[in-house]
Amino acid sequence: MSSIKGNVWKFGDHINTDTMAPGTYFKEPIDVIAQHCLEAVDPQFAVGVQSGDIVVAGRNFGVGSGREQAAMALHHLGVGAIVAVSFSRIFYRNAINFGLPLLIFPQAEEIEPGATLEVEPVEGIITNITSGKTYKVEGIPPYLMEMINIGGLMPWLKRKYAAE
């Protein structure tokens, strides 16, 4: 995956995993949980997000419980990447484990909802196609991007151990 291009869904600071994967639906399959992803913050998100769209957020995205379903729901909906000022540590790891690329993006507040971004995760280049502005951030190491491209940690481990 060399670049990800999609429309922006913008969120603020301290977006909790409870809003990404509401506990009310935990006994349901991931497709049902995903239908309710972020509905408390933006009721249009789960029905409107398109494959490849990019979530842009403020500080501490993914705060709250360590529920894996939060990252799973975003991945299931086809989110292409998440760029935020900062992430909760456990959400960051869960997202990588489920094949979602994340970049720390201190200038996230400059991005408007609905803008079109192109993200080059390994290079750490974020281009706001709408405004024409380009940003440079720390990229994802190629070995980690390989795991993300395969679909996350479990598919990567299956491939690794099948080859041995």
N, C-alpha and C. Protein backbone atom coordinates (compact mmCIF):
# COMPACT_ATOMS: atom_id res chain seq x y z
N MET A 1 0.87 -1.18 0.00
CA MET A 1 0.00 0.00 0.00
C MET A 1 0.91 1.23 0.00
N SER A 2 0.94 1.91 -1.10
CA SER A 2 1.82 3.08 -1.17
C SER A 2 1.13 4.33 -0.65
N SER A 3 -0.14 4.51 -0.98
CA SER A 3 -0.85 5.69 -0.46
C SER A 3 -2.32 5.36 -0.26
N ILE A 4 -2.92 6.16 0.59
CA ILE A 4 -4.34 6.01 0.92
C ILE A 4 -4.98 7.35 0.62
N LYS A 5 -6.03 7.35 -0.16
CA LYS A 5 -6.71 8.59 -0.52
C LYS A 5 -8.18 8.47 -0.16
N GLY A 6 -8.68 9.45 0.58
CA GLY A 6 -10.08 9.40 0.95
C GLY A 6 -10.58 10.70 1.53
N ASN A 7 -11.86 10.72 1.77
CA ASN A 7 -12.49 11.90 2.37
C ASN A 7 -12.33 11.87 3.88
N VAL A 8 -12.30 13.05 4.47
CA VAL A 8 -12.05 13.21 5.90
C VAL A 8 -13.34 13.14 6.70
N TRP A 9 -13.27 12.37 7.79
CA TRP A 9 -14.26 12.38 8.86
C TRP A 9 -13.52 12.94 10.06
N LYS A 10 -13.96 14.08 10.54
CA LYS A 10 -13.21 14.82 11.57
C LYS A 10 -13.85 14.66 12.94
N PHE A 11 -12.99 14.38 13.92
CA PHE A 11 -13.43 14.24 15.31
C PHE A 11 -12.50 15.04 16.21
N GLY A 12 -12.97 15.35 17.39
CA GLY A 12 -12.21 16.16 18.33
C GLY A 12 -11.31 15.36 19.25
N ASP A 13 -11.10 15.90 20.42
CA ASP A 13 -10.23 15.28 21.43
C ASP A 13 -10.99 14.22 22.22
N HIS A 14 -10.24 13.27 22.74
CA HIS A 14 -10.71 12.27 23.71
C HIS A 14 -11.91 11.45 23.21
N ILE A 15 -11.84 11.01 21.97
CA ILE A 15 -12.90 10.15 21.44
C ILE A 15 -12.70 8.75 22.04
N ASN A 16 -13.70 8.32 22.77
CA ASN A 16 -13.63 7.12 23.59
C ASN A 16 -13.96 5.86 22.79
N THR A 17 -13.31 4.76 23.14
CA THR A 17 -13.59 3.49 22.48
C THR A 17 -15.04 3.06 22.71
N ASP A 18 -15.64 3.52 23.80
CA ASP A 18 -17.05 3.19 24.05
C ASP A 18 -17.96 3.76 22.97
N THR A 19 -17.55 4.85 22.33
CA THR A 19 -18.37 5.41 21.25
C THR A 19 -18.08 4.72 19.92
N MET A 20 -16.91 4.10 19.82
CA MET A 20 -16.57 3.38 18.58
C MET A 20 -17.22 2.00 18.56
N ALA A 21 -17.34 1.39 19.73
CA ALA A 21 -17.92 0.06 19.85
C ALA A 21 -18.79 0.05 21.10
N PRO A 22 -20.03 0.56 20.98
CA PRO A 22 -20.90 0.64 22.16
C PRO A 22 -21.14 -0.73 22.79
N GLY A 23 -20.99 -0.79 24.11
CA GLY A 23 -21.12 -2.04 24.85
C GLY A 23 -22.46 -2.72 24.69
N THR A 24 -23.49 -1.96 24.39
CA THR A 24 -24.84 -2.50 24.19
C THR A 24 -24.85 -3.59 23.11
N TYR A 25 -23.92 -3.51 22.16
CA TYR A 25 -23.93 -4.42 21.00
C TYR A 25 -22.84 -5.50 21.07
N PHE A 26 -22.19 -5.65 22.21
CA PHE A 26 -21.06 -6.58 22.30
C PHE A 26 -21.40 -8.03 22.02
N LYS A 27 -22.63 -8.43 22.20
CA LYS A 27 -22.99 -9.83 21.93
C LYS A 27 -23.32 -10.04 20.45
N GLU A 28 -23.27 -8.97 19.69
CA GLU A 28 -23.58 -9.02 18.26
C GLU A 28 -22.30 -9.23 17.45
N PRO A 29 -22.43 -9.68 16.21
CA PRO A 29 -21.26 -9.81 15.33
C PRO A 29 -20.69 -8.42 14.99
N ILE A 30 -19.47 -8.40 14.50
CA ILE A 30 -18.77 -7.13 14.23
C ILE A 30 -19.53 -6.27 13.22
N ASP A 31 -20.24 -6.84 12.27
CA ASP A 31 -20.97 -6.01 11.32
C ASP A 31 -22.07 -5.21 12.01
N VAL A 32 -22.67 -5.75 13.06
CA VAL A 32 -23.69 -5.00 13.81
C VAL A 32 -23.02 -3.94 14.68
N ILE A 33 -21.94 -4.31 15.35
CA ILE A 33 -21.21 -3.33 16.17
C ILE A 33 -20.77 -2.15 15.29
N ALA A 34 -20.24 -2.46 14.10
CA ALA A 34 -19.76 -1.41 13.20
C ALA A 34 -20.87 -0.46 12.76
N GLN A 35 -22.10 -0.95 12.65
CA GLN A 35 -23.23 -0.10 12.26
C GLN A 35 -23.47 1.01 13.29
N HIS A 36 -22.95 0.84 14.49
CA HIS A 36 -23.16 1.82 15.56
C HIS A 36 -21.87 2.56 15.92
N CYS A 37 -20.82 2.35 15.14
CA CYS A 37 -19.53 2.98 15.40
C CYS A 37 -19.65 4.50 15.35
N LEU A 38 -19.28 5.13 16.42
CA LEU A 38 -19.23 6.60 16.57
C LEU A 38 -20.59 7.28 16.43
N GLU A 39 -21.68 6.53 16.53
CA GLU A 39 -23.00 7.14 16.35
C GLU A 39 -23.31 8.20 17.42
N ALA A 40 -22.74 8.07 18.61
CA ALA A 40 -22.99 9.06 19.66
C ALA A 40 -22.29 10.39 19.36
N VAL A 41 -21.26 10.35 18.52
CA VAL A 41 -20.52 11.56 18.15
C VAL A 41 -20.98 12.10 16.80
N ASP A 42 -21.17 11.20 15.84
CA ASP A 42 -21.63 11.57 14.50
C ASP A 42 -22.54 10.45 13.98
N PRO A 43 -23.85 10.63 14.09
CA PRO A 43 -24.78 9.58 13.67
C PRO A 43 -24.66 9.19 12.19
N GLN A 44 -24.04 10.02 11.37
CA GLN A 44 -23.90 9.73 9.95
C GLN A 44 -22.64 8.93 9.62
N PHE A 45 -21.73 8.79 10.58
CA PHE A 45 -20.44 8.17 10.27
C PHE A 45 -20.57 6.76 9.73
N ALA A 46 -21.17 5.85 10.48
CA ALA A 46 -21.20 4.44 10.08
C ALA A 46 -21.96 4.22 8.77
N VAL A 47 -22.96 5.04 8.50
CA VAL A 47 -23.71 4.87 7.25
C VAL A 47 -23.07 5.60 6.08
N GLY A 48 -22.24 6.59 6.37
CA GLY A 48 -21.67 7.41 5.30
C GLY A 48 -20.22 7.15 4.96
N VAL A 49 -19.47 6.55 5.87
CA VAL A 49 -18.05 6.35 5.62
C VAL A 49 -17.87 5.39 4.44
N GLN A 50 -16.93 5.74 3.57
CA GLN A 50 -16.63 4.93 2.38
C GLN A 50 -15.28 4.26 2.56
N SER A 51 -15.09 3.16 1.89
CA SER A 51 -13.81 2.46 1.94
C SER A 51 -12.68 3.41 1.55
N GLY A 52 -11.67 3.49 2.40
CA GLY A 52 -10.54 4.36 2.14
C GLY A 52 -10.64 5.72 2.80
N ASP A 53 -11.80 6.09 3.32
CA ASP A 53 -11.93 7.39 3.99
C ASP A 53 -10.98 7.46 5.18
N ILE A 54 -10.65 8.68 5.56
CA ILE A 54 -9.63 8.91 6.57
C ILE A 54 -10.25 9.62 7.77
N VAL A 55 -10.00 9.07 8.95
CA VAL A 55 -10.42 9.70 10.19
C VAL A 55 -9.32 10.63 10.65
N VAL A 56 -9.70 11.88 10.93
CA VAL A 56 -8.78 12.88 11.46
C VAL A 56 -9.30 13.26 12.84
N ALA A 57 -8.43 13.25 13.83
CA ALA A 57 -8.90 13.50 15.19
C ALA A 57 -7.88 14.31 15.99
N GLY A 58 -8.34 14.75 17.13
CA GLY A 58 -7.50 15.54 18.04
C GLY A 58 -6.66 14.67 18.94
N ARG A 59 -6.61 15.08 20.19
CA ARG A 59 -5.77 14.41 21.18
C ARG A 59 -6.46 13.17 21.75
N ASN A 60 -5.62 12.16 22.06
CA ASN A 60 -6.04 10.99 22.82
C ASN A 60 -7.16 10.20 22.15
N PHE A 61 -7.08 10.05 20.84
CA PHE A 61 -8.08 9.26 20.13
C PHE A 61 -8.00 7.82 20.60
N GLY A 62 -9.15 7.25 20.97
CA GLY A 62 -9.20 5.87 21.42
C GLY A 62 -9.04 5.70 22.92
N VAL A 63 -9.21 6.78 23.67
CA VAL A 63 -9.13 6.69 25.13
C VAL A 63 -10.24 5.78 25.63
N GLY A 64 -10.07 5.23 26.81
CA GLY A 64 -11.12 4.41 27.40
C GLY A 64 -10.66 2.98 27.57
N SER A 65 -11.58 2.08 27.41
CA SER A 65 -11.27 0.66 27.62
C SER A 65 -10.38 0.15 26.50
N GLY A 66 -9.82 -1.01 26.70
CA GLY A 66 -8.95 -1.62 25.69
C GLY A 66 -9.71 -2.48 24.71
N ARG A 67 -11.00 -2.22 24.56
CA ARG A 67 -11.81 -3.10 23.70
C ARG A 67 -11.31 -3.11 22.26
N GLU A 68 -10.98 -4.29 21.81
CA GLU A 68 -10.50 -4.48 20.44
C GLU A 68 -11.57 -4.17 19.41
N GLN A 69 -12.83 -4.29 19.81
CA GLN A 69 -13.92 -4.08 18.88
C GLN A 69 -13.93 -2.66 18.31
N ALA A 70 -13.35 -1.70 19.02
CA ALA A 70 -13.29 -0.32 18.51
C ALA A 70 -12.48 -0.28 17.21
N ALA A 71 -11.28 -0.83 17.25
CA ALA A 71 -10.45 -0.87 16.04
C ALA A 71 -11.07 -1.79 14.98
N MET A 72 -11.64 -2.90 15.43
CA MET A 72 -12.28 -3.83 14.49
C MET A 72 -13.43 -3.17 13.74
N ALA A 73 -14.22 -2.37 14.45
CA ALA A 73 -15.37 -1.70 13.81
C ALA A 73 -14.89 -0.72 12.74
N LEU A 74 -13.87 0.07 13.05
CA LEU A 74 -13.34 1.02 12.07
C LEU A 74 -12.77 0.29 10.85
N HIS A 75 -12.05 -0.79 11.11
CA HIS A 75 -11.50 -1.58 10.01
C HIS A 75 -12.62 -2.20 9.18
N HIS A 76 -13.63 -2.73 9.84
CA HIS A 76 -14.77 -3.36 9.15
C HIS A 76 -15.48 -2.35 8.24
N LEU A 77 -15.54 -1.10 8.67
CA LEU A 77 -16.20 -0.05 7.87
C LEU A 77 -15.34 0.42 6.70
N GLY A 78 -14.09 -0.01 6.66
CA GLY A 78 -13.22 0.33 5.54
C GLY A 78 -12.39 1.59 5.72
N VAL A 79 -12.30 2.09 6.94
CA VAL A 79 -11.47 3.28 7.17
C VAL A 79 -10.06 2.98 6.66
N GLY A 80 -9.53 3.89 5.86
CA GLY A 80 -8.23 3.67 5.24
C GLY A 80 -7.06 4.01 6.13
N ALA A 81 -7.23 5.03 6.97
CA ALA A 81 -6.17 5.45 7.88
C ALA A 81 -6.78 6.36 8.94
N ILE A 82 -6.08 6.47 10.05
CA ILE A 82 -6.46 7.40 11.10
C ILE A 82 -5.25 8.27 11.39
N VAL A 83 -5.45 9.58 11.34
CA VAL A 83 -4.38 10.52 11.69
C VAL A 83 -4.92 11.40 12.82
N ALA A 84 -4.13 11.52 13.88
CA ALA A 84 -4.60 12.26 15.05
C ALA A 84 -3.42 12.92 15.75
N VAL A 85 -3.74 13.93 16.55
CA VAL A 85 -2.70 14.61 17.33
C VAL A 85 -2.02 13.60 18.26
N SER A 86 -2.81 12.71 18.88
CA SER A 86 -2.26 11.63 19.70
C SER A 86 -3.30 10.53 19.84
N PHE A 87 -2.82 9.36 20.25
CA PHE A 87 -3.67 8.19 20.41
C PHE A 87 -3.49 7.61 21.80
N SER A 88 -4.55 6.97 22.29
CA SER A 88 -4.41 6.12 23.47
C SER A 88 -3.47 4.98 23.08
N ARG A 89 -2.59 4.60 23.97
CA ARG A 89 -1.59 3.59 23.65
C ARG A 89 -2.21 2.25 23.26
N ILE A 90 -3.19 1.80 24.03
CA ILE A 90 -3.77 0.49 23.75
C ILE A 90 -4.60 0.51 22.46
N PHE A 91 -5.29 1.62 22.18
CA PHE A 91 -6.03 1.71 20.92
C PHE A 91 -5.05 1.69 19.75
N TYR A 92 -3.95 2.40 19.88
CA TYR A 92 -2.95 2.45 18.82
C TYR A 92 -2.50 1.03 18.47
N ARG A 93 -2.16 0.26 19.50
CA ARG A 93 -1.69 -1.10 19.26
C ARG A 93 -2.80 -1.99 18.68
N ASN A 94 -4.01 -1.86 19.22
CA ASN A 94 -5.13 -2.65 18.69
C ASN A 94 -5.37 -2.34 17.21
N ALA A 95 -5.31 -1.07 16.85
CA ALA A 95 -5.56 -0.67 15.46
C ALA A 95 -4.50 -1.27 14.53
N ILE A 96 -3.25 -1.19 14.92
CA ILE A 96 -2.18 -1.79 14.13
C ILE A 96 -2.42 -3.30 14.01
N ASN A 97 -2.78 -3.93 15.14
CA ASN A 97 -3.03 -5.38 15.12
C ASN A 97 -4.14 -5.79 14.17
N PHE A 98 -5.09 -4.87 13.91
CA PHE A 98 -6.19 -5.19 13.01
C PHE A 98 -6.00 -4.59 11.63
N GLY A 99 -4.81 -4.08 11.34
CA GLY A 99 -4.50 -3.65 9.99
C GLY A 99 -4.90 -2.22 9.64
N LEU A 100 -4.99 -1.36 10.65
CA LEU A 100 -5.31 0.05 10.40
C LEU A 100 -4.06 0.90 10.54
N PRO A 101 -3.65 1.62 9.51
CA PRO A 101 -2.50 2.50 9.66
C PRO A 101 -2.88 3.78 10.43
N LEU A 102 -2.02 4.15 11.38
CA LEU A 102 -2.22 5.36 12.18
C LEU A 102 -0.96 6.21 12.14
N LEU A 103 -1.17 7.51 12.02
CA LEU A 103 -0.05 8.45 12.05
C LEU A 103 -0.35 9.55 13.05
N ILE A 104 0.67 9.93 13.80
CA ILE A 104 0.55 11.07 14.71
C ILE A 104 0.69 12.32 13.85
N PHE A 105 -0.30 13.19 13.95
CA PHE A 105 -0.43 14.35 13.06
C PHE A 105 -0.73 15.59 13.89
N PRO A 106 0.31 16.29 14.36
CA PRO A 106 0.10 17.46 15.22
C PRO A 106 -0.76 18.56 14.60
N GLN A 107 -0.82 18.64 13.29
CA GLN A 107 -1.57 19.70 12.61
C GLN A 107 -2.99 19.27 12.24
N ALA A 108 -3.51 18.24 12.89
CA ALA A 108 -4.83 17.72 12.55
C ALA A 108 -5.92 18.79 12.59
N GLU A 109 -5.77 19.76 13.49
CA GLU A 109 -6.80 20.80 13.59
C GLU A 109 -6.91 21.65 12.33
N GLU A 110 -5.91 21.63 11.47
CA GLU A 110 -5.93 22.42 10.24
C GLU A 110 -6.81 21.77 9.15
N ILE A 111 -7.19 20.53 9.34
CA ILE A 111 -7.93 19.79 8.32
C ILE A 111 -9.43 19.97 8.54
N GLU A 112 -10.14 20.30 7.48
CA GLU A 112 -11.59 20.52 7.55
C GLU A 112 -12.33 19.21 7.25
N PRO A 113 -13.48 19.00 7.89
CA PRO A 113 -14.30 17.83 7.57
C PRO A 113 -14.67 17.85 6.08
N GLY A 114 -14.64 16.68 5.46
CA GLY A 114 -15.01 16.58 4.06
C GLY A 114 -13.88 16.84 3.08
N ALA A 115 -12.74 17.31 3.59
CA ALA A 115 -11.58 17.51 2.71
C ALA A 115 -11.14 16.15 2.18
N THR A 116 -10.35 16.15 1.13
CA THR A 116 -9.77 14.92 0.61
C THR A 116 -8.30 14.90 0.96
N LEU A 117 -7.87 13.82 1.61
CA LEU A 117 -6.47 13.65 1.98
C LEU A 117 -5.86 12.49 1.23
N GLU A 118 -4.56 12.59 1.02
CA GLU A 118 -3.78 11.46 0.56
C GLU A 118 -2.70 11.24 1.60
N VAL A 119 -2.61 10.03 2.11
CA VAL A 119 -1.66 9.67 3.15
C VAL A 119 -0.69 8.64 2.60
N GLU A 120 0.58 8.95 2.72
CA GLU A 120 1.64 8.00 2.37
C GLU A 120 2.23 7.55 3.70
N PRO A 121 1.76 6.41 4.24
CA PRO A 121 2.08 6.04 5.61
C PRO A 121 3.56 5.77 5.89
N VAL A 122 4.26 5.12 5.00
CA VAL A 122 5.68 4.83 5.24
C VAL A 122 6.51 6.11 5.16
N GLU A 123 6.21 6.93 4.19
CA GLU A 123 6.95 8.17 4.02
C GLU A 123 6.56 9.23 5.04
N GLY A 124 5.38 9.10 5.62
CA GLY A 124 4.90 10.10 6.58
C GLY A 124 4.47 11.39 5.91
N ILE A 125 3.92 11.28 4.72
CA ILE A 125 3.47 12.46 3.99
C ILE A 125 1.94 12.47 3.96
N ILE A 126 1.37 13.57 4.41
CA ILE A 126 -0.08 13.77 4.39
C ILE A 126 -0.34 14.98 3.51
N THR A 127 -1.07 14.78 2.43
CA THR A 127 -1.38 15.86 1.51
C THR A 127 -2.87 16.16 1.57
N ASN A 128 -3.18 17.40 1.85
CA ASN A 128 -4.57 17.86 1.81
C ASN A 128 -4.84 18.25 0.37
N ILE A 129 -5.46 17.36 -0.38
CA ILE A 129 -5.72 17.60 -1.80
C ILE A 129 -6.62 18.82 -1.96
N THR A 130 -7.55 19.01 -1.02
CA THR A 130 -8.50 20.11 -1.10
C THR A 130 -7.80 21.46 -1.01
N SER A 131 -6.86 21.59 -0.07
CA SER A 131 -6.18 22.88 0.12
C SER A 131 -4.84 22.97 -0.61
N GLY A 132 -4.29 21.82 -0.98
CA GLY A 132 -2.99 21.80 -1.64
C GLY A 132 -1.82 21.79 -0.68
N LYS A 133 -2.07 21.75 0.63
CA LYS A 133 -1.00 21.79 1.61
C LYS A 133 -0.51 20.37 1.92
N THR A 134 0.82 20.24 2.07
CA THR A 134 1.44 18.96 2.38
C THR A 134 2.13 19.04 3.74
N TYR A 135 2.02 17.96 4.50
CA TYR A 135 2.61 17.87 5.83
C TYR A 135 3.56 16.68 5.88
N LYS A 136 4.60 16.80 6.68
CA LYS A 136 5.54 15.70 6.89
C LYS A 136 5.48 15.31 8.36
N VAL A 137 5.19 14.04 8.62
CA VAL A 137 5.14 13.50 9.97
C VAL A 137 5.99 12.23 10.01
N GLU A 138 6.13 11.64 11.18
CA GLU A 138 6.88 10.39 11.28
C GLU A 138 6.08 9.27 10.62
N GLY A 139 6.72 8.56 9.73
CA GLY A 139 6.06 7.48 9.00
C GLY A 139 6.03 6.18 9.77
N ILE A 140 5.32 5.23 9.22
CA ILE A 140 5.24 3.89 9.79
C ILE A 140 6.41 3.08 9.22
N PRO A 141 7.19 2.42 10.08
CA PRO A 141 8.31 1.61 9.56
C PRO A 141 7.83 0.58 8.54
N PRO A 142 8.62 0.35 7.49
CA PRO A 142 8.20 -0.58 6.43
C PRO A 142 7.82 -1.97 6.93
N TYR A 143 8.55 -2.50 7.92
CA TYR A 143 8.22 -3.84 8.42
C TYR A 143 6.84 -3.86 9.08
N LEU A 144 6.47 -2.77 9.75
CA LEU A 144 5.16 -2.68 10.39
C LEU A 144 4.07 -2.46 9.34
N MET A 145 4.40 -1.69 8.31
CA MET A 145 3.44 -1.46 7.23
C MET A 145 3.17 -2.76 6.48
N GLU A 146 4.17 -3.63 6.39
CA GLU A 146 3.97 -4.94 5.77
C GLU A 146 2.91 -5.72 6.54
N MET A 147 3.00 -5.68 7.88
CA MET A 147 2.01 -6.38 8.71
C MET A 147 0.62 -5.78 8.52
N ILE A 148 0.55 -4.46 8.46
CA ILE A 148 -0.74 -3.78 8.25
C ILE A 148 -1.33 -4.17 6.90
N ASN A 149 -0.50 -4.17 5.87
CA ASN A 149 -0.97 -4.51 4.51
C ASN A 149 -1.51 -5.93 4.41
N ILE A 150 -0.94 -6.84 5.20
CA ILE A 150 -1.39 -8.22 5.20
C ILE A 150 -2.75 -8.35 5.89
N GLY A 151 -3.10 -7.36 6.70
CA GLY A 151 -4.38 -7.39 7.41
C GLY A 151 -4.24 -7.34 8.92
N GLY A 152 -3.01 -7.22 9.40
CA GLY A 152 -2.80 -7.12 10.83
C GLY A 152 -1.95 -8.24 11.37
N LEU A 153 -1.89 -8.31 12.69
CA LEU A 153 -0.99 -9.23 13.37
C LEU A 153 -1.32 -10.70 13.11
N MET A 154 -2.57 -11.09 13.25
CA MET A 154 -2.91 -12.51 13.09
C MET A 154 -2.64 -13.01 11.66
N PRO A 155 -3.08 -12.31 10.63
CA PRO A 155 -2.73 -12.77 9.28
C PRO A 155 -1.22 -12.80 9.05
N TRP A 156 -0.49 -11.85 9.63
CA TRP A 156 0.96 -11.82 9.49
C TRP A 156 1.59 -13.04 10.15
N LEU A 157 1.12 -13.36 11.38
CA LEU A 157 1.65 -14.55 12.08
C LEU A 157 1.32 -15.83 11.32
N LYS A 158 0.10 -15.93 10.80
CA LYS A 158 -0.26 -17.13 10.03
C LYS A 158 0.66 -17.30 8.83
N ARG A 159 0.91 -16.20 8.14
CA ARG A 159 1.80 -16.27 6.97
C ARG A 159 3.21 -16.64 7.39
N LYS A 160 3.69 -16.02 8.45
CA LYS A 160 5.06 -16.27 8.93
C LYS A 160 5.25 -17.73 9.31
N TYR A 161 4.31 -18.29 10.08
CA TYR A 161 4.49 -19.66 10.55
C TYR A 161 4.11 -20.70 9.50
N ALA A 162 3.33 -20.35 8.52
CA ALA A 162 3.03 -21.27 7.43
C ALA A 162 4.26 -21.48 6.55
N ALA A 163 5.11 -20.46 6.50
CA ALA A 163 6.31 -20.52 5.66
C ALA A 163 7.42 -21.34 6.31
N GLU A 164 7.30 -21.60 7.61
CA GLU A 164 8.39 -22.33 8.31
C GLU A 164 8.22 -23.82 8.25
